[in-house]
C-alpha atoms as a PDB file:
ATOM      1  CA  MET A   1       0.072  -0.060   0.191  1.00  0.00           C
ATOM      2  CA  ILE A   2       3.033   2.392   0.127  1.00  0.00           C
ATOM      3  CA  ASN A   3       3.458   4.497  -2.689  1.00  0.00           C
ATOM      4  CA  LYS A   4       0.178   3.525  -4.399  1.00  0.00           C
ATOM      5  CA  GLY A   5      -1.985   6.548  -3.926  1.00  0.00           C
ATOM      6  CA  LEU A   6      -4.471   4.927  -1.801  1.00  0.00           C
ATOM      7  CA  THR A   7      -6.403   6.158   1.182  1.00  0.00           C
ATOM      8  CA  VAL A   8      -7.631   3.678   3.772  1.00  0.00           C
ATOM      9  CA  ARG A   9     -10.190   4.601   6.417  1.00  0.00           C
ATOM     10  CA  GLY A  10     -11.817   2.609   8.951  1.00  0.00           C
ATOM     11  CA  ALA A  11     -14.073   3.050  11.770  1.00  0.00           C
ATOM     12  CA  GLN A  12     -14.946   1.261  15.183  1.00  0.00           C
ATOM     13  CA  GLN A  13     -18.256   0.468  16.540  1.00  0.00           C
ATOM     14  CA  HIS A  14     -19.041   0.684  20.372  1.00  0.00           C
ATOM     15  CA  GLY A  15     -19.570  -3.065  21.094  1.00  0.00           C
ATOM     16  CA  GLN A  16     -20.460  -2.495  24.767  1.00  0.00           C
ATOM     17  CA  ARG A  17     -23.306  -0.287  23.860  1.00  0.00           C
ATOM     18  CA  TYR A  18     -24.694  -2.568  20.974  1.00  0.00           C
ATOM     19  CA  ILE A  19     -23.841  -6.018  21.751  1.00  0.00           C
ATOM     20  CA  PRO A  20     -26.367  -6.360  24.559  1.00  0.00           C
ATOM     21  CA  MET A  21     -29.205  -4.892  22.527  1.00  0.00           C
ATOM     22  CA  LEU A  22     -28.252  -7.174  19.377  1.00  0.00           C
ATOM     23  CA  LEU A  23     -28.170 -10.111  21.544  1.00  0.00           C
ATOM     24  CA  ASP A  24     -31.503  -9.358  23.084  1.00  0.00           C
ATOM     25  CA  ARG A  25     -33.013  -8.869  19.530  1.00  0.00           C
ATOM     26  CA  LEU A  26     -31.580 -12.369  18.458  1.00  0.00           C
ATOM     27  CA  ALA A  27     -33.111 -13.852  21.529  1.00  0.00           C
ATOM     28  CA  ALA A  28     -36.538 -12.481  20.755  1.00  0.00           C
ATOM     29  CA  GLY A  29     -36.560 -13.693  17.282  1.00  0.00           C
ATOM     30  CA  GLU A  30     -36.213 -10.058  15.676  1.00  0.00           C
ATOM     31  CA  LEU A  31     -33.029 -10.640  13.827  1.00  0.00           C
ATOM     32  CA  SER A  32     -32.203 -13.683  11.530  1.00  0.00           C
ATOM     33  CA  THR A  33     -28.754 -14.845  11.034  1.00  0.00           C
ATOM     34  CA  ALA A  34     -29.569 -17.357   8.734  1.00  0.00           C
ATOM     35  CA  HIS A  35     -28.152 -15.769   5.460  1.00  0.00           C
ATOM     36  CA  LEU A  36     -24.642 -15.593   7.447  1.00  0.00           C
ATOM     37  CA  ALA A  37     -23.814 -19.056   6.703  1.00  0.00           C
ATOM     38  CA  THR A  38     -24.157 -20.541   2.944  1.00  0.00           C
ATOM     39  CA  HIS A  39     -23.407 -24.253   3.908  1.00  0.00           C
ATOM     40  CA  THR A  40     -23.830 -26.235   7.098  1.00  0.00           C
ATOM     41  CA  VAL A  41     -21.898 -29.597   7.442  1.00  0.00           C
ATOM     42  CA  PRO A  42     -21.444 -32.131  10.214  1.00  0.00           C
ATOM     43  CA  LEU A  43     -17.911 -32.424  11.588  1.00  0.00           C
ATOM     44  CA  ASP A  44     -17.026 -35.297   9.560  1.00  0.00           C
ATOM     45  CA  GLU A  45     -17.305 -33.433   6.655  1.00  0.00           C
ATOM     46  CA  ALA A  46     -15.250 -30.474   7.622  1.00  0.00           C
ATOM     47  CA  PRO A  47     -12.355 -31.311   5.321  1.00  0.00           C
ATOM     48  CA  ARG A  48     -14.947 -30.862   2.071  1.00  0.00           C
ATOM     49  CA  ALA A  49     -16.386 -27.669   3.760  1.00  0.00           C
ATOM     50  CA  TYR A  50     -12.883 -25.977   3.882  1.00  0.00           C
ATOM     51  CA  ASP A  51     -12.193 -26.908   0.295  1.00  0.00           C
ATOM     52  CA  MET A  52     -15.595 -25.552  -0.760  1.00  0.00           C
ATOM     53  CA  PHE A  53     -14.822 -22.420   0.933  1.00  0.00           C
ATOM     54  CA  LYS A  54     -11.381 -22.147  -0.147  1.00  0.00           C
ATOM     55  CA  GLU A  55     -12.080 -22.559  -3.725  1.00  0.00           C
ATOM     56  CA  LYS A  56     -15.598 -20.928  -3.532  1.00  0.00           C
ATOM     57  CA  ASN A  57     -17.434 -23.841  -5.068  1.00  0.00           C
ATOM     58  CA  ASP A  58     -21.166 -24.297  -4.970  1.00  0.00           C
ATOM     59  CA  GLY A  59     -21.265 -20.492  -3.990  1.00  0.00           C
ATOM     60  CA  CYS A  60     -19.750 -21.171  -0.604  1.00  0.00           C
ATOM     61  CA  VAL A  61     -19.172 -17.818   1.338  1.00  0.00           C
ATOM     62  CA  ARG A  62     -19.316 -19.244   4.971  1.00  0.00           C
ATOM     63  CA  ALA A  63     -19.534 -22.843   6.016  1.00  0.00           C
ATOM     64  CA  VAL A  64     -20.753 -23.725   9.730  1.00  0.00           C
ATOM     65  CA  ILE A  65     -19.199 -27.001  10.820  1.00  0.00           C
ATOM     66  CA  ARG A  66     -21.301 -28.765  13.605  1.00  0.00           C
ATOM     67  CA  PRO A  67     -20.273 -31.311  15.939  1.00  0.00           C
ATOM     68  CA  GLY A  68     -22.358 -34.203  16.347  1.00  0.00           C
ATOM     69  CA  GLY A  69     -24.127 -33.800  13.053  1.00  0.00           C
END
């Protein structure tokens, strides 16, 4: 990034302020997180899930690996 003429900007959010409210809304069912994981696989398929994510096969954006099936 040095000598590339780029400007990088960022921001922080106040987690201590917003996290409790977000957790309450999740618990009440007001917010859905289903769209955050594109694939869910059991633990014994973890290597396949990793490869899907790495190669972006089958539209894999985020794989959730569930222990115990």
